[in-house]
PDB file of N, CA and C in Angstrom:
ATOM      1  N   MET A   1      10.510 -15.646  24.313  1.00  0.00           N
ATOM      2  CA  MET A   1      10.019 -14.433  23.675  1.00  0.00           C
ATOM      3  C   MET A   1      10.504 -14.431  22.233  1.00  0.00           C
ATOM      4  N   ASP A   2       9.622 -14.107  21.319  1.00  0.00           N
ATOM      5  CA  ASP A   2       9.964 -14.084  19.898  1.00  0.00           C
ATOM      6  C   ASP A   2      10.987 -12.992  19.596  1.00  0.00           C
ATOM      7  N   TYR A   3      11.803 -13.246  18.587  1.00  0.00           N
ATOM      8  CA  TYR A   3      12.729 -12.254  18.073  1.00  0.00           C
ATOM      9  C   TYR A   3      11.903 -11.089  17.517  1.00  0.00           C
ATOM     10  N   LEU A   4      12.323  -9.876  17.771  1.00  0.00           N
ATOM     11  CA  LEU A   4      11.552  -8.698  17.382  1.00  0.00           C
ATOM     12  C   LEU A   4      11.301  -8.637  15.875  1.00  0.00           C
ATOM     13  N   GLY A   5      12.255  -9.069  15.080  1.00  0.00           N
ATOM     14  CA  GLY A   5      12.058  -9.083  13.634  1.00  0.00           C
ATOM     15  C   GLY A   5      10.896  -9.976  13.234  1.00  0.00           C
ATOM     16  N   ASP A   6      10.756 -11.117  13.913  1.00  0.00           N
ATOM     17  CA  ASP A   6       9.640 -12.023  13.646  1.00  0.00           C
ATOM     18  C   ASP A   6       8.316 -11.395  14.059  1.00  0.00           C
ATOM     19  N   VAL A   7       8.329 -10.710  15.186  1.00  0.00           N
ATOM     20  CA  VAL A   7       7.114 -10.038  15.665  1.00  0.00           C
ATOM     21  C   VAL A   7       6.686  -8.962  14.671  1.00  0.00           C
ATOM     22  N   LEU A   8       7.644  -8.195  14.156  1.00  0.00           N
ATOM     23  CA  LEU A   8       7.317  -7.153  13.188  1.00  0.00           C
ATOM     24  C   LEU A   8       6.725  -7.743  11.910  1.00  0.00           C
ATOM     25  N   GLU A   9       7.217  -8.906  11.488  1.00  0.00           N
ATOM     26  CA  GLU A   9       6.649  -9.575  10.309  1.00  0.00           C
ATOM     27  C   GLU A   9       5.202  -9.984  10.556  1.00  0.00           C
ATOM     28  N   LYS A  10       4.918 -10.486  11.752  1.00  0.00           N
ATOM     29  CA  LYS A  10       3.545 -10.866  12.097  1.00  0.00           C
ATOM     30  C   LYS A  10       2.633  -9.645  12.100  1.00  0.00           C
ATOM     31  N   ILE A  11       3.126  -8.544  12.649  1.00  0.00           N
ATOM     32  CA  ILE A  11       2.344  -7.306  12.692  1.00  0.00           C
ATOM     33  C   ILE A  11       2.082  -6.799  11.275  1.00  0.00           C
ATOM     34  N   LYS A  12       3.086  -6.883  10.427  1.00  0.00           N
ATOM     35  CA  LYS A  12       2.940  -6.427   9.039  1.00  0.00           C
ATOM     36  C   LYS A  12       1.820  -7.182   8.335  1.00  0.00           C
ATOM     37  N   LYS A  13       1.724  -8.485   8.589  1.00  0.00           N
ATOM     38  CA  LYS A  13       0.714  -9.309   7.928  1.00  0.00           C
ATOM     39  C   LYS A  13      -0.682  -9.076   8.481  1.00  0.00           C
ATOM     40  N   LYS A  14      -0.786  -8.880   9.790  1.00  0.00           N
ATOM     41  CA  LYS A  14      -2.098  -8.703  10.436  1.00  0.00           C
ATOM     42  C   LYS A  14      -2.017  -7.609  11.509  1.00  0.00           C
ATOM     43  N   PRO A  15      -1.892  -6.355  11.102  1.00  0.00           N
ATOM     44  CA  PRO A  15      -1.703  -5.292  12.087  1.00  0.00           C
ATOM     45  C   PRO A  15      -2.837  -5.153  13.101  1.00  0.00           C
ATOM     46  N   ALA A  16      -4.066  -5.330  12.677  1.00  0.00           N
ATOM     47  CA  ALA A  16      -5.194  -5.148  13.596  1.00  0.00           C
ATOM     48  C   ALA A  16      -5.184  -6.190  14.712  1.00  0.00           C
ATOM     49  N   VAL A  17      -4.698  -7.386  14.425  1.00  0.00           N
ATOM     50  CA  VAL A  17      -4.653  -8.451  15.431  1.00  0.00           C
ATOM     51  C   VAL A  17      -3.696  -8.077  16.563  1.00  0.00           C
ATOM     52  N   TYR A  18      -2.559  -7.488  16.215  1.00  0.00           N
ATOM     53  CA  TYR A  18      -1.529  -7.181  17.212  1.00  0.00           C
ATOM     54  C   TYR A  18      -1.637  -5.774  17.786  1.00  0.00           C
ATOM     55  N   LEU A  19      -2.164  -4.848  16.988  1.00  0.00           N
ATOM     56  CA  LEU A  19      -2.179  -3.443  17.410  1.00  0.00           C
ATOM     57  C   LEU A  19      -3.561  -2.915  17.771  1.00  0.00           C
ATOM     58  N   GLY A  20      -4.598  -3.672  17.464  1.00  0.00           N
ATOM     59  CA  GLY A  20      -5.959  -3.198  17.696  1.00  0.00           C
ATOM     60  C   GLY A  20      -6.508  -2.479  16.483  1.00  0.00           C
ATOM     61  N   ARG A  21      -5.680  -1.664  15.876  1.00  0.00           N
ATOM     62  CA  ARG A  21      -6.020  -0.977  14.622  1.00  0.00           C
ATOM     63  C   ARG A  21      -4.709  -0.679  13.904  1.00  0.00           C
ATOM     64  N   PRO A  22      -4.737  -0.607  12.588  1.00  0.00           N
ATOM     65  CA  PRO A  22      -3.511  -0.342  11.838  1.00  0.00           C
ATOM     66  C   PRO A  22      -3.067   1.109  12.012  1.00  0.00           C
ATOM     67  N   SER A  23      -2.110   1.319  12.882  1.00  0.00           N
ATOM     68  CA  SER A  23      -1.691   2.668  13.240  1.00  0.00           C
ATOM     69  C   SER A  23      -0.228   2.659  13.665  1.00  0.00           C
ATOM     70  N   ILE A  24       0.520   3.636  13.181  1.00  0.00           N
ATOM     71  CA  ILE A  24       1.921   3.739  13.580  1.00  0.00           C
ATOM     72  C   ILE A  24       2.043   4.114  15.055  1.00  0.00           C
ATOM     73  N   VAL A  25       1.079   4.874  15.561  1.00  0.00           N
ATOM     74  CA  VAL A  25       1.080   5.238  16.979  1.00  0.00           C
ATOM     75  C   VAL A  25       0.897   3.981  17.833  1.00  0.00           C
ATOM     76  N   CYS A  26       0.004   3.103  17.408  1.00  0.00           N
ATOM     77  CA  CYS A  26      -0.200   1.834  18.125  1.00  0.00           C
ATOM     78  C   CYS A  26       1.038   0.942  18.021  1.00  0.00           C
ATOM     79  N   LEU A  27       1.705   0.957  16.868  1.00  0.00           N
ATOM     80  CA  LEU A  27       2.937   0.181  16.718  1.00  0.00           C
ATOM     81  C   LEU A  27       3.997   0.682  17.677  1.00  0.00           C
ATOM     82  N   GLN A  28       4.153   1.977  17.771  1.00  0.00           N
ATOM     83  CA  GLN A  28       5.147   2.545  18.678  1.00  0.00           C
ATOM     84  C   GLN A  28       4.831   2.151  20.131  1.00  0.00           C
ATOM     85  N   ALA A  29       3.565   2.207  20.520  1.00  0.00           N
ATOM     86  CA  ALA A  29       3.165   1.799  21.868  1.00  0.00           C
ATOM     87  C   ALA A  29       3.434   0.310  22.084  1.00  0.00           C
ATOM     88  N   PHE A  30       3.116  -0.516  21.087  1.00  0.00           N
ATOM     89  CA  PHE A  30       3.360  -1.956  21.168  1.00  0.00           C
ATOM     90  C   PHE A  30       4.846  -2.227  21.378  1.00  0.00           C
ATOM     91  N   LEU A  31       5.696  -1.548  20.594  1.00  0.00           N
ATOM     92  CA  LEU A  31       7.136  -1.764  20.701  1.00  0.00           C
ATOM     93  C   LEU A  31       7.682  -1.300  22.045  1.00  0.00           C
ATOM     94  N   SER A  32       7.128  -0.240  22.590  1.00  0.00           N
ATOM     95  CA  SER A  32       7.537   0.207  23.924  1.00  0.00           C
ATOM     96  C   SER A  32       7.186  -0.846  24.965  1.00  0.00           C
ATOM     97  N   GLY A  33       5.986  -1.406  24.864  1.00  0.00           N
ATOM     98  CA  GLY A  33       5.583  -2.471  25.770  1.00  0.00           C
ATOM     99  C   GLY A  33       6.442  -3.709  25.600  1.00  0.00           C
ATOM    100  N   TYR A  34       6.813  -4.013  24.374  1.00  0.00           N
ATOM    101  CA  TYR A  34       7.682  -5.159  24.087  1.00  0.00           C
ATOM    102  C   TYR A  34       9.032  -4.976  24.779  1.00  0.00           C
ATOM    103  N   ASN A  35       9.570  -3.741  24.707  1.00  0.00           N
ATOM    104  CA  ASN A  35      10.848  -3.457  25.371  1.00  0.00           C
ATOM    105  C   ASN A  35      10.739  -3.597  26.883  1.00  0.00           C
ATOM    106  N   VAL A  36       9.643  -3.139  27.452  1.00  0.00           N
ATOM    107  CA  VAL A  36       9.427  -3.272  28.892  1.00  0.00           C
ATOM    108  C   VAL A  36       9.357  -4.750  29.273  1.00  0.00           C
ATOM    109  N   ALA A  37       8.642  -5.543  28.485  1.00  0.00           N
ATOM    110  CA  ALA A  37       8.530  -6.986  28.749  1.00  0.00           C
ATOM    111  C   ALA A  37       9.905  -7.649  28.686  1.00  0.00           C
ATOM    112  N   GLN A  38      10.714  -7.278  27.705  1.00  0.00           N
ATOM    113  CA  GLN A  38      12.067  -7.835  27.611  1.00  0.00           C
ATOM    114  C   GLN A  38      12.861  -7.509  28.872  1.00  0.00           C
ATOM    115  N   TYR A  39      12.785  -6.262  29.295  1.00  0.00           N
ATOM    116  CA  TYR A  39      13.499  -5.830  30.486  1.00  0.00           C
ATOM    117  C   TYR A  39      13.042  -6.628  31.710  1.00  0.00           C
ATOM    118  N   GLN A  40      11.724  -6.765  31.863  1.00  0.00           N
ATOM    119  CA  GLN A  40      11.194  -7.468  33.028  1.00  0.00           C
ATOM    120  C   GLN A  40      11.518  -8.958  32.995  1.00  0.00           C
ATOM    121  N   LEU A  41      11.681  -9.520  31.805  1.00  0.00           N
ATOM    122  CA  LEU A  41      12.048 -10.929  31.692  1.00  0.00           C
ATOM    123  C   LEU A  41      13.559 -11.142  31.800  1.00  0.00           C
ATOM    124  N   GLY A  42      14.295 -10.037  31.877  1.00  0.00           N
ATOM    125  CA  GLY A  42      15.741 -10.142  32.018  1.00  0.00           C
ATOM    126  C   GLY A  42      16.473 -10.424  30.721  1.00  0.00           C
ATOM    127  N   VAL A  43      15.845 -10.105  29.576  1.00  0.00           N
ATOM    128  CA  VAL A  43      16.529 -10.278  28.294  1.00  0.00           C
ATOM    129  C   VAL A  43      17.666  -9.264  28.247  1.00  0.00           C
ATOM    130  N   PRO A  44      18.881  -9.720  28.005  1.00  0.00           N
ATOM    131  CA  PRO A  44      20.029  -8.798  28.034  1.00  0.00           C
ATOM    132  C   PRO A  44      19.898  -7.693  26.984  1.00  0.00           C
ATOM    133  N   LEU A  45      20.391  -6.519  27.338  1.00  0.00           N
ATOM    134  CA  LEU A  45      20.346  -5.389  26.418  1.00  0.00           C
ATOM    135  C   LEU A  45      21.225  -5.621  25.195  1.00  0.00           C
ATOM    136  N   THR A  46      22.113  -6.596  25.283  1.00  0.00           N
ATOM    137  CA  THR A  46      22.985  -6.891  24.151  1.00  0.00           C
ATOM    138  C   THR A  46      22.280  -7.734  23.091  1.00  0.00           C
ATOM    139  N   ALA A  47      21.051  -8.181  23.390  1.00  0.00           N
ATOM    140  CA  ALA A  47      20.304  -8.976  22.403  1.00  0.00           C
ATOM    141  C   ALA A  47      20.111  -8.145  21.141  1.00  0.00           C
ATOM    142  N   GLU A  48      20.219  -8.790  19.985  1.00  0.00           N
ATOM    143  CA  GLU A  48      20.116  -8.080  18.718  1.00  0.00           C
ATOM    144  C   GLU A  48      18.729  -7.461  18.559  1.00  0.00           C
ATOM    145  N   ASN A  49      18.711  -6.192  18.210  1.00  0.00           N
ATOM    146  CA  ASN A  49      17.473  -5.467  17.988  1.00  0.00           C
ATOM    147  C   ASN A  49      17.497  -4.924  16.558  1.00  0.00           C
ATOM    148  N   PRO A  50      16.569  -5.370  15.715  1.00  0.00           N
ATOM    149  CA  PRO A  50      16.592  -4.918  14.321  1.00  0.00           C
ATOM    150  C   PRO A  50      16.305  -3.428  14.154  1.00  0.00           C
ATOM    151  N   LEU A  51      15.846  -2.766  15.215  1.00  0.00           N
ATOM    152  CA  LEU A  51      15.568  -1.337  15.137  1.00  0.00           C
ATOM    153  C   LEU A  51      16.750  -0.476  15.588  1.00  0.00           C
ATOM    154  N   ASP A  52      17.843  -1.110  16.018  1.00  0.00           N
ATOM    155  CA  ASP A  52      19.017  -0.337  16.423  1.00  0.00           C
ATOM    156  C   ASP A  52      19.490   0.526  15.258  1.00  0.00           C
ATOM    157  N   GLY A  53      19.579   1.810  15.488  1.00  0.00           N
ATOM    158  CA  GLY A  53      20.017   2.753  14.462  1.00  0.00           C
ATOM    159  C   GLY A  53      18.897   3.281  13.590  1.00  0.00           C
ATOM    160  N   PHE A  54      17.684   2.742  13.743  1.00  0.00           N
ATOM    161  CA  PHE A  54      16.571   3.156  12.894  1.00  0.00           C
ATOM    162  C   PHE A  54      16.199   4.620  13.131  1.00  0.00           C
ATOM    163  N   GLN A  55      16.192   5.058  14.381  1.00  0.00           N
ATOM    164  CA  GLN A  55      15.856   6.451  14.704  1.00  0.00           C
ATOM    165  C   GLN A  55      16.804   7.407  13.976  1.00  0.00           C
ATOM    166  N   GLU A  56      18.084   7.162  14.078  1.00  0.00           N
ATOM    167  CA  GLU A  56      19.072   8.032  13.456  1.00  0.00           C
ATOM    168  C   GLU A  56      18.941   7.997  11.928  1.00  0.00           C
ATOM    169  N   TRP A  57      18.695   6.803  11.405  1.00  0.00           N
ATOM    170  CA  TRP A  57      18.555   6.646   9.956  1.00  0.00           C
ATOM    171  C   TRP A  57      17.349   7.427   9.435  1.00  0.00           C
ATOM    172  N   ILE A  58      16.224   7.338  10.147  1.00  0.00           N
ATOM    173  CA  ILE A  58      15.006   8.075   9.756  1.00  0.00           C
ATOM    174  C   ILE A  58      15.270   9.578   9.814  1.00  0.00           C
ATOM    175  N   GLN A  59      15.912  10.042  10.867  1.00  0.00           N
ATOM    176  CA  GLN A  59      16.202  11.475  10.977  1.00  0.00           C
ATOM    177  C   GLN A  59      17.065  11.943   9.808  1.00  0.00           C
ATOM    178  N   GLN A  60      18.061  11.150   9.466  1.00  0.00           N
ATOM    179  CA  GLN A  60      18.936  11.512   8.354  1.00  0.00           C
ATOM    180  C   GLN A  60      18.182  11.453   7.024  1.00  0.00           C
ATOM    181  N   LYS A  61      17.394  10.411   6.825  1.00  0.00           N
ATOM    182  CA  LYS A  61      16.654  10.234   5.569  1.00  0.00           C
ATOM    183  C   LYS A  61      15.706  11.404   5.311  1.00  0.00           C
ATOM    184  N   PHE A  62      15.035  11.880   6.355  1.00  0.00           N
ATOM    185  CA  PHE A  62      14.059  12.962   6.199  1.00  0.00           C
ATOM    186  C   PHE A  62      14.643  14.339   6.514  1.00  0.00           C
ATOM    187  N   GLY A  63      15.925  14.385   6.860  1.00  0.00           N
ATOM    188  CA  GLY A  63      16.565  15.667   7.158  1.00  0.00           C
ATOM    189  C   GLY A  63      16.015  16.335   8.397  1.00  0.00           C
ATOM    190  N   ILE A  64      15.706  15.552   9.408  1.00  0.00           N
ATOM    191  CA  ILE A  64      15.134  16.068  10.655  1.00  0.00           C
ATOM    192  C   ILE A  64      16.219  16.110  11.730  1.00  0.00           C
ATOM    193  N   GLU A  65      16.372  17.277  12.352  1.00  0.00           N
ATOM    194  CA  GLU A  65      17.376  17.406  13.407  1.00  0.00           C
ATOM    195  C   GLU A  65      16.750  17.536  14.788  1.00  0.00           C
ATOM    196  N   SER A  66      15.434  17.594  14.865  1.00  0.00           N
ATOM    197  CA  SER A  66      14.764  17.715  16.161  1.00  0.00           C
ATOM    198  C   SER A  66      14.713  16.352  16.845  1.00  0.00           C
ATOM    199  N   SER A  67      14.188  16.331  18.025  1.00  0.00           N
ATOM    200  CA  SER A  67      14.144  15.094  18.807  1.00  0.00           C
ATOM    201  C   SER A  67      12.825  14.336  18.628  1.00  0.00           C
ATOM    202  N   GLN A  68      12.194  14.469  17.485  1.00  0.00           N
ATOM    203  CA  GLN A  68      10.947  13.741  17.211  1.00  0.00           C
ATOM    204  C   GLN A  68      11.246  12.252  17.054  1.00  0.00           C
ATOM    205  N   SER A  69      10.327  11.417  17.501  1.00  0.00           N
ATOM    206  CA  SER A  69      10.510   9.968  17.367  1.00  0.00           C
ATOM    207  C   SER A  69      10.373   9.556  15.906  1.00  0.00           C
ATOM    208  N   TRP A  70      10.899   8.381  15.577  1.00  0.00           N
ATOM    209  CA  TRP A  70      10.775   7.865  14.208  1.00  0.00           C
ATOM    210  C   TRP A  70       9.310   7.782  13.807  1.00  0.00           C
ATOM    211  N   ALA A  71       8.442   7.405  14.743  1.00  0.00           N
ATOM    212  CA  ALA A  71       7.016   7.285  14.437  1.00  0.00           C
ATOM    213  C   ALA A  71       6.414   8.646  14.090  1.00  0.00           C
ATOM    214  N   ASN A  72       6.755   9.666  14.847  1.00  0.00           N
ATOM    215  CA  ASN A  72       6.228  11.008  14.566  1.00  0.00           C
ATOM    216  C   ASN A  72       6.757  11.559  13.250  1.00  0.00           C
ATOM    217  N   ILE A  73       8.011  11.273  12.932  1.00  0.00           N
ATOM    218  CA  ILE A  73       8.586  11.741  11.670  1.00  0.00           C
ATOM    219  C   ILE A  73       7.860  11.090  10.502  1.00  0.00           C
ATOM    220  N   ILE A  74       7.688   9.778  10.567  1.00  0.00           N
ATOM    221  CA  ILE A  74       7.001   9.068   9.482  1.00  0.00           C
ATOM    222  C   ILE A  74       5.554   9.541   9.371  1.00  0.00           C
ATOM    223  N   LEU A  75       4.884   9.714  10.511  1.00  0.00           N
ATOM    224  CA  LEU A  75       3.494  10.182  10.504  1.00  0.00           C
ATOM    225  C   LEU A  75       3.382  11.568   9.870  1.00  0.00           C
ATOM    226  N   PHE A  76       4.323  12.442  10.173  1.00  0.00           N
ATOM    227  CA  PHE A  76       4.305  13.797   9.612  1.00  0.00           C
ATOM    228  C   PHE A  76       4.331  13.774   8.086  1.00  0.00           C
ATOM    229  N   PHE A  77       5.065  12.832   7.515  1.00  0.00           N
ATOM    230  CA  PHE A  77       5.205  12.742   6.064  1.00  0.00           C
ATOM    231  C   PHE A  77       4.211  11.761   5.435  1.00  0.00           C
ATOM    232  N   SER A  78       3.162  11.412   6.172  1.00  0.00           N
ATOM    233  CA  SER A  78       2.158  10.465   5.683  1.00  0.00           C
ATOM    234  C   SER A  78       0.775  11.100   5.702  1.00  0.00           C
ATOM    235  N   GLN A  79      -0.178  10.434   5.023  1.00  0.00           N
ATOM    236  CA  GLN A  79      -1.543  10.949   4.966  1.00  0.00           C
ATOM    237  C   GLN A  79      -2.289  10.739   6.267  1.00  0.00           C
ATOM    238  N   ASP A  80      -2.085   9.580   6.900  1.00  0.00           N
ATOM    239  CA  ASP A  80      -2.767   9.250   8.148  1.00  0.00           C
ATOM    240  C   ASP A  80      -1.989   8.138   8.853  1.00  0.00           C
ATOM    241  N   GLU A  81      -2.511   7.681   9.977  1.00  0.00           N
ATOM    242  CA  GLU A  81      -1.804   6.669  10.771  1.00  0.00           C
ATOM    243  C   GLU A  81      -1.646   5.344  10.032  1.00  0.00           C
ATOM    244  N   ARG A  82      -2.634   4.965   9.242  1.00  0.00           N
ATOM    245  CA  ARG A  82      -2.548   3.717   8.463  1.00  0.00           C
ATOM    246  C   ARG A  82      -1.469   3.828   7.388  1.00  0.00           C
ATOM    247  N   ASP A  83      -1.474   4.946   6.683  1.00  0.00           N
ATOM    248  CA  ASP A  83      -0.460   5.183   5.661  1.00  0.00           C
ATOM    249  C   ASP A  83       0.936   5.208   6.298  1.00  0.00           C
ATOM    250  N   ALA A  84       1.034   5.811   7.467  1.00  0.00           N
ATOM    251  CA  ALA A  84       2.313   5.870   8.176  1.00  0.00           C
ATOM    252  C   ALA A  84       2.792   4.477   8.571  1.00  0.00           C
ATOM    253  N   LEU A  85       1.868   3.607   8.969  1.00  0.00           N
ATOM    254  CA  LEU A  85       2.235   2.233   9.312  1.00  0.00           C
ATOM    255  C   LEU A  85       2.766   1.505   8.081  1.00  0.00           C
ATOM    256  N   ASP A  86       2.082   1.662   6.963  1.00  0.00           N
ATOM    257  CA  ASP A  86       2.555   1.051   5.715  1.00  0.00           C
ATOM    258  C   ASP A  86       3.932   1.591   5.337  1.00  0.00           C
ATOM    259  N   ARG A  87       4.113   2.891   5.479  1.00  0.00           N
ATOM    260  CA  ARG A  87       5.415   3.507   5.166  1.00  0.00           C
ATOM    261  C   ARG A  87       6.487   3.024   6.122  1.00  0.00           C
ATOM    262  N   PHE A  88       6.125   2.805   7.394  1.00  0.00           N
ATOM    263  CA  PHE A  88       7.104   2.262   8.339  1.00  0.00           C
ATOM    264  C   PHE A  88       7.683   0.967   7.819  1.00  0.00           C
ATOM    265  N   PHE A  89       6.815   0.053   7.380  1.00  0.00           N
ATOM    266  CA  PHE A  89       7.299  -1.245   6.914  1.00  0.00           C
ATOM    267  C   PHE A  89       8.150  -1.106   5.649  1.00  0.00           C
ATOM    268  N   GLU A  90       7.797  -0.179   4.774  1.00  0.00           N
ATOM    269  CA  GLU A  90       8.613   0.076   3.586  1.00  0.00           C
ATOM    270  C   GLU A  90       9.979   0.629   3.990  1.00  0.00           C
ATOM    271  N   LEU A  91       9.968   1.598   4.878  1.00  0.00           N
ATOM    272  CA  LEU A  91      11.218   2.206   5.333  1.00  0.00           C
ATOM    273  C   LEU A  91      12.058   1.222   6.141  1.00  0.00           C
ATOM    274  N   PHE A  92      11.408   0.413   6.958  1.00  0.00           N
ATOM    275  CA  PHE A  92      12.133  -0.575   7.753  1.00  0.00           C
ATOM    276  C   PHE A  92      12.826  -1.582   6.847  1.00  0.00           C
ATOM    277  N   GLU A  93      12.148  -1.994   5.784  1.00  0.00           N
ATOM    278  CA  GLU A  93      12.755  -2.916   4.806  1.00  0.00           C
ATOM    279  C   GLU A  93      13.964  -2.262   4.150  1.00  0.00           C
ATOM    280  N   GLU A  94      13.813  -0.993   3.770  1.00  0.00           N
ATOM    281  CA  GLU A  94      14.933  -0.254   3.173  1.00  0.00           C
ATOM    282  C   GLU A  94      16.097  -0.160   4.161  1.00  0.00           C
ATOM    283  N   PHE A  95      15.789   0.111   5.420  1.00  0.00           N
ATOM    284  CA  PHE A  95      16.802   0.198   6.471  1.00  0.00           C
ATOM    285  C   PHE A  95      17.539  -1.134   6.624  1.00  0.00           C
ATOM    286  N   GLN A  96      16.795  -2.232   6.620  1.00  0.00           N
ATOM    287  CA  GLN A  96      17.408  -3.549   6.743  1.00  0.00           C
ATOM    288  C   GLN A  96      18.259  -3.868   5.515  1.00  0.00           C
ATOM    289  N   GLN A  97      17.779  -3.532   4.335  1.00  0.00           N
ATOM    290  CA  GLN A  97      18.541  -3.781   3.114  1.00  0.00           C
ATOM    291  C   GLN A  97      19.854  -3.002   3.140  1.00  0.00           C
ATOM    292  N   ARG A  98      19.806  -1.793   3.641  1.00  0.00           N
ATOM    293  CA  ARG A  98      21.004  -0.964   3.750  1.00  0.00           C
ATOM    294  C   ARG A  98      22.016  -1.657   4.644  1.00  0.00           C
ATOM    295  N   GLY A  99      21.529  -2.227   5.748  1.00  0.00           N
ATOM    296  CA  GLY A  99      22.405  -2.944   6.671  1.00  0.00           C
ATOM    297  C   GLY A  99      22.992  -4.188   6.037  1.00  0.00           C
ATOM    298  N   ARG A 100      22.184  -4.905   5.265  1.00  0.00           N
ATOM    299  CA  ARG A 100      22.666  -6.114   4.591  1.00  0.00           C
ATOM    300  C   ARG A 100      23.694  -5.771   3.526  1.00  0.00           C
ATOM    301  N   SER A 101      23.460  -4.676   2.807  1.00  0.00           N
ATOM    302  CA  SER A 101      24.406  -4.250   1.771  1.00  0.00           C
ATOM    303  C   SER A 101      25.741  -3.876   2.387  1.00  0.00           C
ATOM    304  N   SER A 102      25.698  -3.176   3.518  1.00  0.00           N
ATOM    305  CA  SER A 102      26.931  -2.794   4.202  1.00  0.00           C
ATOM    306  C   SER A 102      27.695  -4.027   4.664  1.00  0.00           C
ATOM    307  N   ALA A 103      26.966  -5.001   5.215  1.00  0.00           N
ATOM    308  CA  ALA A 103      27.608  -6.229   5.689  1.00  0.00           C
ATOM    309  C   ALA A 103      28.206  -7.000   4.522  1.00  0.00           C
ATOM    310  N   SER A 104      27.499  -7.069   3.408  1.00  0.00           N
ATOM    311  CA  SER A 104      28.005  -7.766   2.223  1.00  0.00           C
ATOM    312  C   SER A 104      29.256  -7.081   1.690  1.00  0.00           C
ATOM    313  N   ASN A 105      29.242  -5.758   1.666  1.00  0.00           N
ATOM    314  CA  ASN A 105      30.407  -5.011   1.191  1.00  0.00           C
ATOM    315  C   ASN A 105      31.611  -5.229   2.096  1.00  0.00           C
ATOM    316  N   ARG A 106      31.389  -5.276   3.420  1.00  0.00           N
ATOM    317  CA  ARG A 106      32.490  -5.528   4.355  1.00  0.00           C
ATOM    318  C   ARG A 106      33.062  -6.922   4.137  1.00  0.00           C
ATOM    319  N   GLU A 107      32.174  -7.908   3.968  1.00  0.00           N
ATOM    320  CA  GLU A 107      32.634  -9.267   3.754  1.00  0.00           C
ATOM    321  C   GLU A 107      33.413  -9.366   2.451  1.00  0.00           C
ATOM    322  N   TYR A 108      32.940  -8.716   1.385  1.00  0.00           N
ATOM    323  CA  TYR A 108      33.606  -8.750   0.094  1.00  0.00           C
ATOM    324  C   TYR A 108      34.997  -8.125   0.205  1.00  0.00           C
ATOM    325  N   THR A 109      35.094  -7.001   0.911  1.00  0.00           N
ATOM    326  CA  THR A 109      36.359  -6.320   1.060  1.00  0.00           C
ATOM    327  C   THR A 109      37.348  -7.161   1.870  1.00  0.00           C
ATOM    328  N   GLN A 110      36.851  -7.866   2.884  1.00  0.00           N
ATOM    329  CA  GLN A 110      37.719  -8.697   3.715  1.00  0.00           C
ATOM    330  C   GLN A 110      38.224  -9.909   2.948  1.00  0.00           C
ATOM    331  N   VAL A 111      37.439 -10.448   2.029  1.00  0.00           N
ATOM    332  CA  VAL A 111      37.816 -11.629   1.265  1.00  0.00           C
ATOM    333  C   VAL A 111      38.924 -11.284   0.272  1.00  0.00           C
ATOM    334  N   LYS A 112      38.875 -10.085  -0.279  1.00  0.00           N
ATOM    335  CA  LYS A 112      39.864  -9.665  -1.297  1.00  0.00           C
ATOM    336  C   LYS A 112      41.266  -9.653  -0.809  1.00  0.00           C
TER     337      LYS A 112
END
């Protein structure tokens, strides 16, 4: 099974091929199915997931305290499902960069 980060890159390049139509709702459904497939294949829950912490980060970024999913939050602040999908990839990149910056800062501090 492909690493989820690789799958997300493929979806970003050709969303209609993987999702049927470019839609954040379809992406969320796809990712739910991906998680079910991992579970059924016995992929350990400890496997690295690039979306770990994304829900909390989105809630904090948009100042949302309700239990809305990351997809619904992004959709609410977008023009339509296609725009929300594009924003997801922008936000996901920002989320990953934040994680890389934190890791770099930890490594720099440990080296000193």
